[in-house]
Amino acid sequence: MGKLVLVAKITHVPSMYLSELDGPRKGTRQDAIDGHKEISRRCRELGVDTIVVFDTHWLVNANYHINCAPHFKGHYTSNELPHFIANMPFECPGNPELGQLLAKVCVEHGVETLAHHATTLDPEYGTLVPMRYMNADQHFKAISVSAMCTVHYLDDSARLGWAMRQAIEKHYDGTVAFLASGSLSHRFAQNGLAPEFAFKVWNPFLEQLDSRVVEMWKAGQWKDFCGMLPEYASKGHGEGFMHDTAMMLGALGWSEYDGKADVVTPYFGASGTGQINAVFPVTPVTGRDIPTAKASAADGYTSVATRL
């Protein structure tokens, strides 16, 4: 049937848009933009028809949600950083059929998920920024998945990623890429200090923690990383509680994943946060089971299953 052929953890820093515009920040995020363009090139080479984005700027307070409208078009201003992204035009085709299929199979795997195809809801900039650089010619269809999940278990997010892969490989006639759109550490610079930290990470602890995580990804140390993910998401100020990362790893096979990260844009600091573009090869997952119950933890928001 269908194929999942590329999975990546990507940056969506709004300074990428500033980098296009005349002014003091012009050209300063070209490395991140070039990383997006390289991921786009790989997707095209692999025959991808649809990009599914796990968007840590789409906040939800119940259920998981999929924005699979047939077409997206408009102008976007960030309510969070309106001085960074203001009146940014966007246009992209959607994929209602795939979005509804993904939701159906997620529900069958025990993860309550709703698909929204008849909606006026526009994507957030965790989706719009990468589509700007990866999909300027509207070559790909796009689907956005909520990944700032405020009352959700990380193991459910991992299960969602797994279920979405099953939906594609067993029921979809096409080729898909998954993008986990979010930072590593996400501690913004304190108010008044943002210019000073425009190209830096907020704290040496966070920078060292992120750097160690990137080394683990490059070495394929997935059992250790999956075991530490709840604490990393909490103590490392992971963006969106790192639900995008859990979704990504669920799709790849969780702690049994045997691939190694290919870093496309090396780790960098932005307004205090830690960012990267990295591609993860999709390897076979035949025969693995998914968890049947939530793992117990003192903090239910960051409970993670031990295996898929």
Protein backbone atom coordinates (compact mmCIF):
# COMPACT_ATOMS: atom_id res chain seq x y z
CA MET A 1 0.00 0.00 0.00
CA GLY A 2 1.35 3.40 0.98
CA LYS A 3 4.79 4.35 2.23
CA LEU A 4 6.22 6.54 4.96
CA VAL A 5 9.56 7.49 3.46
CA LEU A 6 10.94 10.44 5.43
CA VAL A 7 10.73 11.59 9.05
CA ALA A 8 12.41 14.72 10.37
CA LYS A 9 12.66 16.95 13.43
CA ILE A 10 12.63 20.53 12.18
CA THR A 11 12.89 24.10 13.32
CA HIS A 12 10.19 26.67 12.59
CA VAL A 13 11.77 29.73 14.20
CA PRO A 14 9.99 32.91 13.06
CA SER A 15 13.34 34.61 12.55
CA MET A 16 13.52 32.55 9.33
CA TYR A 17 10.84 34.86 7.94
CA LEU A 18 12.72 37.93 9.23
CA SER A 19 15.76 36.55 7.46
CA GLU A 20 14.00 37.14 4.13
CA LEU A 21 13.20 40.78 4.83
CA ASP A 22 15.36 43.86 4.51
CA GLY A 23 16.76 44.90 7.86
CA PRO A 24 19.33 43.86 10.46
CA ARG A 25 18.21 40.19 10.48
CA LYS A 26 18.32 39.72 6.71
CA GLY A 27 20.13 36.49 5.77
CA THR A 28 20.82 35.45 9.35
CA ARG A 29 18.74 32.24 9.20
CA GLN A 30 19.77 31.14 5.74
CA ASP A 31 21.25 27.92 7.16
CA ALA A 32 17.86 26.92 8.60
CA ILE A 33 16.08 27.87 5.36
CA ASP A 34 18.60 25.86 3.35
CA GLY A 35 17.94 22.91 5.66
CA HIS A 36 14.24 23.08 4.87
CA LYS A 37 14.99 23.24 1.17
CA GLU A 38 17.22 20.18 1.45
CA ILE A 39 14.47 18.24 3.23
CA SER A 40 12.09 19.32 0.47
CA ARG A 41 14.56 18.08 -2.14
CA ARG A 42 14.74 14.69 -0.43
CA CYS A 43 10.95 14.47 -0.22
CA ARG A 44 10.64 15.18 -3.94
CA GLU A 45 13.31 12.62 -4.76
CA LEU A 46 11.39 10.03 -2.72
CA GLY A 47 8.08 10.80 -4.42
CA VAL A 48 6.28 12.28 -1.41
CA ASP A 49 2.76 13.52 -2.18
CA THR A 50 1.75 14.68 1.33
CA ILE A 51 3.64 16.15 4.27
CA VAL A 52 2.10 15.62 7.71
CA VAL A 53 3.31 18.20 10.24
CA PHE A 54 3.19 17.61 14.00
CA ASP A 55 2.78 21.27 14.96
CA THR A 56 3.79 22.38 18.46
CA HIS A 57 2.09 25.73 17.91
CA TRP A 58 -1.36 24.18 17.67
CA LEU A 59 -2.53 24.12 21.28
CA VAL A 60 -5.38 21.78 22.18
CA ASN A 61 -6.99 21.02 25.54
CA ALA A 62 -8.83 17.81 24.66
CA ASN A 63 -8.36 15.03 22.10
CA TYR A 64 -5.91 15.05 19.20
CA HIS A 65 -6.87 17.03 16.13
CA ILE A 66 -6.02 16.95 12.43
CA ASN A 67 -6.50 19.95 10.13
CA CYS A 68 -7.07 18.40 6.72
CA ALA A 69 -8.97 21.12 4.87
CA PRO A 70 -8.82 20.80 1.07
CA HIS A 71 -6.92 24.07 0.66
CA PHE A 72 -5.19 26.65 2.83
CA LYS A 73 -4.76 30.27 1.78
CA GLY A 74 -4.47 33.59 3.56
CA HIS A 75 -2.18 35.92 5.48
CA TYR A 76 -0.76 34.98 8.86
CA THR A 77 0.35 37.13 11.78
CA SER A 78 1.71 35.42 14.87
CA ASN A 79 -0.21 36.31 18.03
CA GLU A 80 2.87 35.23 19.98
CA LEU A 81 5.49 37.20 18.05
CA PRO A 82 3.68 39.68 15.79
CA HIS A 83 6.88 41.69 15.33
CA PHE A 84 8.53 38.59 13.77
CA ILE A 85 5.75 37.21 11.56
CA ALA A 86 3.28 39.81 10.29
CA ASN A 87 0.98 39.46 7.29
CA MET A 88 2.91 36.49 5.89
CA PRO A 89 1.07 35.12 2.83
CA PHE A 90 0.50 31.37 2.60
CA GLU A 91 -1.16 28.92 0.24
CA CYS A 92 -1.04 25.15 0.17
CA PRO A 93 -3.25 22.24 -0.94
CA GLY A 94 -4.55 19.91 1.75
CA ASN A 95 -5.46 16.22 1.78
CA PRO A 96 -8.89 15.65 3.36
CA GLU A 97 -9.02 11.95 2.46
CA LEU A 98 -5.72 11.13 4.13
CA GLY A 99 -6.52 13.28 7.17
CA GLN A 100 -9.78 11.44 7.79
CA LEU A 101 -8.06 8.09 7.31
CA LEU A 102 -5.36 9.02 9.85
CA ALA A 103 -7.98 9.98 12.43
CA LYS A 104 -9.95 6.77 11.85
CA VAL A 105 -6.97 4.51 12.39
CA CYS A 106 -5.77 6.49 15.42
CA VAL A 107 -9.19 5.94 17.03
CA GLU A 108 -8.95 2.24 16.21
CA HIS A 109 -5.63 2.21 18.10
CA GLY A 110 -7.23 3.79 21.16
CA VAL A 111 -6.20 7.42 20.59
CA GLU A 112 -9.21 9.74 20.32
CA THR A 113 -8.52 11.86 17.24
CA LEU A 114 -10.76 14.19 15.25
CA ALA A 115 -10.22 15.16 11.61
CA HIS A 116 -11.41 18.59 10.46
CA HIS A 117 -11.88 18.78 6.70
CA ALA A 118 -14.83 21.19 6.51
CA THR A 119 -13.22 23.97 8.53
CA THR A 120 -12.12 27.59 8.33
CA LEU A 121 -9.28 26.87 10.75
CA ASP A 122 -5.89 27.89 9.36
CA PRO A 123 -2.65 26.14 10.32
CA GLU A 124 -0.28 27.67 12.86
CA TYR A 125 3.22 28.78 12.02
CA GLY A 126 4.74 25.48 13.06
CA THR A 127 3.21 24.28 9.80
CA LEU A 128 3.23 27.47 7.74
CA VAL A 129 6.94 28.30 8.16
CA PRO A 130 8.24 24.93 6.91
CA MET A 131 5.68 24.90 4.09
CA ARG A 132 6.93 28.34 3.04
CA TYR A 133 10.42 26.97 2.39
CA MET A 134 9.67 23.36 1.50
CA ASN A 135 6.57 23.90 -0.58
CA ALA A 136 6.64 27.35 -2.18
CA ASP A 137 5.48 25.83 -5.49
CA GLN A 138 2.65 23.90 -3.76
CA HIS A 139 4.14 20.62 -4.94
CA PHE A 140 3.06 18.80 -1.76
CA LYS A 141 -0.27 18.49 -0.02
CA ALA A 142 -0.08 19.29 3.68
CA ILE A 143 -1.84 18.13 6.84
CA SER A 144 -1.38 19.72 10.26
CA VAL A 145 -1.63 17.73 13.51
CA SER A 146 -2.03 19.31 16.95
CA ALA A 147 1.14 18.80 18.98
CA MET A 148 0.95 21.31 21.82
CA CYS A 149 -1.08 18.93 23.94
CA THR A 150 -1.80 20.28 27.40
CA VAL A 151 -3.52 17.31 29.11
CA HIS A 152 -2.21 14.37 27.13
CA TYR A 153 0.08 11.44 27.82
CA LEU A 154 3.29 11.22 25.83
CA ASP A 155 2.61 7.52 25.32
CA ASP A 156 -0.65 8.41 23.58
CA SER A 157 1.30 10.73 21.30
CA ALA A 158 3.71 7.91 20.54
CA ARG A 159 0.76 5.61 19.85
CA LEU A 160 -0.71 8.25 17.54
CA GLY A 161 2.50 8.34 15.51
CA TRP A 162 2.50 4.56 15.29
CA ALA A 163 -1.15 4.46 14.25
CA MET A 164 -0.59 7.06 11.55
CA ARG A 165 2.20 4.97 10.09
CA GLN A 166 -0.10 1.93 10.09
CA ALA A 167 -2.79 3.97 8.33
CA ILE A 168 -0.38 4.95 5.57
CA GLU A 169 1.26 1.58 5.08
CA LYS A 170 -1.93 -0.48 5.21
CA HIS A 171 -4.64 1.77 3.80
CA TYR A 172 -3.23 4.73 1.84
CA ASP A 173 -2.25 4.72 -1.81
CA GLY A 174 0.54 7.26 -1.70
CA THR A 175 3.84 8.39 -0.22
CA VAL A 176 4.11 10.50 2.94
CA ALA A 177 6.63 12.39 5.07
CA PHE A 178 6.25 13.25 8.77
CA LEU A 179 7.76 16.43 10.22
CA ALA A 180 8.04 16.97 13.98
CA SER A 181 7.96 20.76 14.01
CA GLY A 182 9.40 22.00 17.28
CA SER A 183 12.57 22.92 19.10
CA LEU A 184 14.63 20.99 21.58
CA SER A 185 14.93 23.19 24.70
CA HIS A 186 12.42 26.01 24.46
CA ARG A 187 13.25 28.47 27.24
CA PHE A 188 12.84 31.90 25.65
CA ALA A 189 15.10 34.73 26.71
CA GLN A 190 13.69 36.79 29.55
CA ASN A 191 11.74 39.89 28.50
CA GLY A 192 14.13 42.68 27.56
CA LEU A 193 16.98 40.29 26.79
CA ALA A 194 15.73 38.83 23.50
CA PRO A 195 18.15 40.80 21.26
CA GLU A 196 21.10 39.66 23.35
CA PHE A 197 20.02 36.01 22.97
CA ALA A 198 18.98 36.17 19.31
CA PHE A 199 21.61 33.55 18.42
CA LYS A 200 22.19 31.95 21.81
CA VAL A 201 20.63 29.32 24.08
CA TRP A 202 19.25 30.68 27.35
CA ASN A 203 21.35 28.62 29.75
CA PRO A 204 24.51 26.45 29.57
CA PHE A 205 22.61 23.59 31.22
CA LEU A 206 20.02 23.59 28.46
CA GLU A 207 22.64 23.88 25.73
CA GLN A 208 24.65 20.98 27.16
CA LEU A 209 21.50 18.90 27.62
CA ASP A 210 20.42 19.52 24.01
CA SER A 211 23.91 18.80 22.71
CA ARG A 212 23.98 15.47 24.53
CA VAL A 213 20.55 14.58 23.11
CA VAL A 214 21.72 15.34 19.56
CA GLU A 215 24.73 13.05 20.11
CA MET A 216 22.37 10.30 21.32
CA TRP A 217 20.25 10.73 18.18
CA LYS A 218 23.31 10.54 15.95
CA ALA A 219 24.49 7.41 17.78
CA GLY A 220 21.06 5.73 17.72
CA GLN A 221 20.71 5.50 21.51
CA TRP A 222 16.92 5.27 21.40
CA LYS A 223 16.26 3.13 24.46
CA ASP A 224 18.10 5.64 26.62
CA PHE A 225 16.50 8.63 24.93
CA CYS A 226 12.96 7.25 25.14
CA GLY A 227 13.54 6.47 28.81
CA MET A 228 14.64 10.04 29.53
CA LEU A 229 12.08 11.81 27.32
CA PRO A 230 9.56 12.70 30.07
CA GLU A 231 12.25 14.29 32.25
CA TYR A 232 13.88 15.92 29.25
CA ALA A 233 10.56 17.41 28.15
CA SER A 234 10.04 18.81 31.64
CA LYS A 235 13.48 19.89 32.82
CA GLY A 236 14.65 20.82 29.34
CA HIS A 237 11.64 23.05 28.62
CA GLY A 238 10.78 20.96 25.54
CA GLU A 239 8.53 22.78 23.10
CA GLY A 240 4.93 21.59 23.26
CA PHE A 241 6.01 19.19 26.04
CA MET A 242 7.79 17.37 23.17
CA HIS A 243 4.63 15.68 21.96
CA ASP A 244 5.86 16.17 18.39
CA THR A 245 8.98 14.18 19.25
CA ALA A 246 6.91 11.39 20.84
CA MET A 247 4.72 11.25 17.71
CA MET A 248 7.81 11.09 15.51
CA LEU A 249 9.42 8.32 17.54
CA GLY A 250 6.16 6.38 17.72
CA ALA A 251 6.09 6.33 13.94
CA LEU A 252 9.70 5.20 13.80
CA GLY A 253 9.30 2.36 16.29
CA TRP A 254 9.97 4.03 19.67
CA SER A 255 12.80 2.54 21.71
CA GLU A 256 13.30 -0.30 19.20
CA TYR A 257 14.06 2.15 16.39
CA ASP A 258 17.43 1.33 14.87
CA GLY A 259 18.20 4.37 12.72
CA LYS A 260 20.56 7.27 13.33
CA ALA A 261 19.91 10.98 12.86
CA ASP A 262 21.28 12.74 9.81
CA VAL A 263 21.77 16.35 10.88
CA VAL A 264 20.90 18.68 8.00
CA THR A 265 21.16 22.00 9.86
CA PRO A 266 23.45 21.81 12.90
CA TYR A 267 22.09 22.74 16.32
CA PHE A 268 21.77 26.48 16.86
CA GLY A 269 20.38 28.95 19.38
CA ALA A 270 17.48 31.27 18.64
CA SER A 271 16.01 33.74 21.16
CA GLY A 272 17.21 31.43 23.92
CA THR A 273 15.83 28.20 22.40
CA GLY A 274 17.70 25.22 20.91
CA GLN A 275 16.95 24.35 17.29
CA ILE A 276 17.87 21.78 14.64
CA ASN A 277 16.90 20.23 11.31
CA ALA A 278 17.55 16.48 11.36
CA VAL A 279 16.30 13.59 9.21
CA PHE A 280 15.67 10.10 10.61
CA PRO A 281 15.76 7.16 8.19
CA VAL A 282 12.56 5.12 8.14
CA THR A 283 13.38 1.49 8.95
CA PRO A 284 11.09 -1.60 9.07
CA VAL A 285 8.91 -2.07 12.16
CA THR A 286 7.14 -5.31 11.27
CA GLY A 287 6.04 -7.42 14.22
CA ARG A 288 6.25 -4.85 16.97
CA ASP A 289 3.39 -4.42 19.41
CA ILE A 290 1.93 -1.16 20.65
CA PRO A 291 1.31 -0.50 24.37
CA THR A 292 -2.14 -1.48 25.58
CA ALA A 293 -2.29 0.75 28.65
CA LYS A 294 -0.95 4.06 29.88
CA ALA A 295 2.25 3.84 31.84
CA SER A 296 1.91 5.12 35.38
CA ALA A 297 3.80 8.24 36.44
CA ALA A 298 3.51 10.95 39.04
CA ASP A 299 3.06 13.46 36.25
CA GLY A 300 0.49 11.98 33.89
CA TYR A 301 1.20 14.60 31.25
CA THR A 302 4.59 13.09 30.61
CA SER A 303 3.92 9.38 30.99
CA VAL A 304 5.53 7.37 28.21
CA ALA A 305 5.15 3.75 27.17
CA THR A 306 8.32 1.72 27.31
CA ARG A 307 7.92 0.03 23.97
CA LEU A 308 5.92 -0.08 20.75
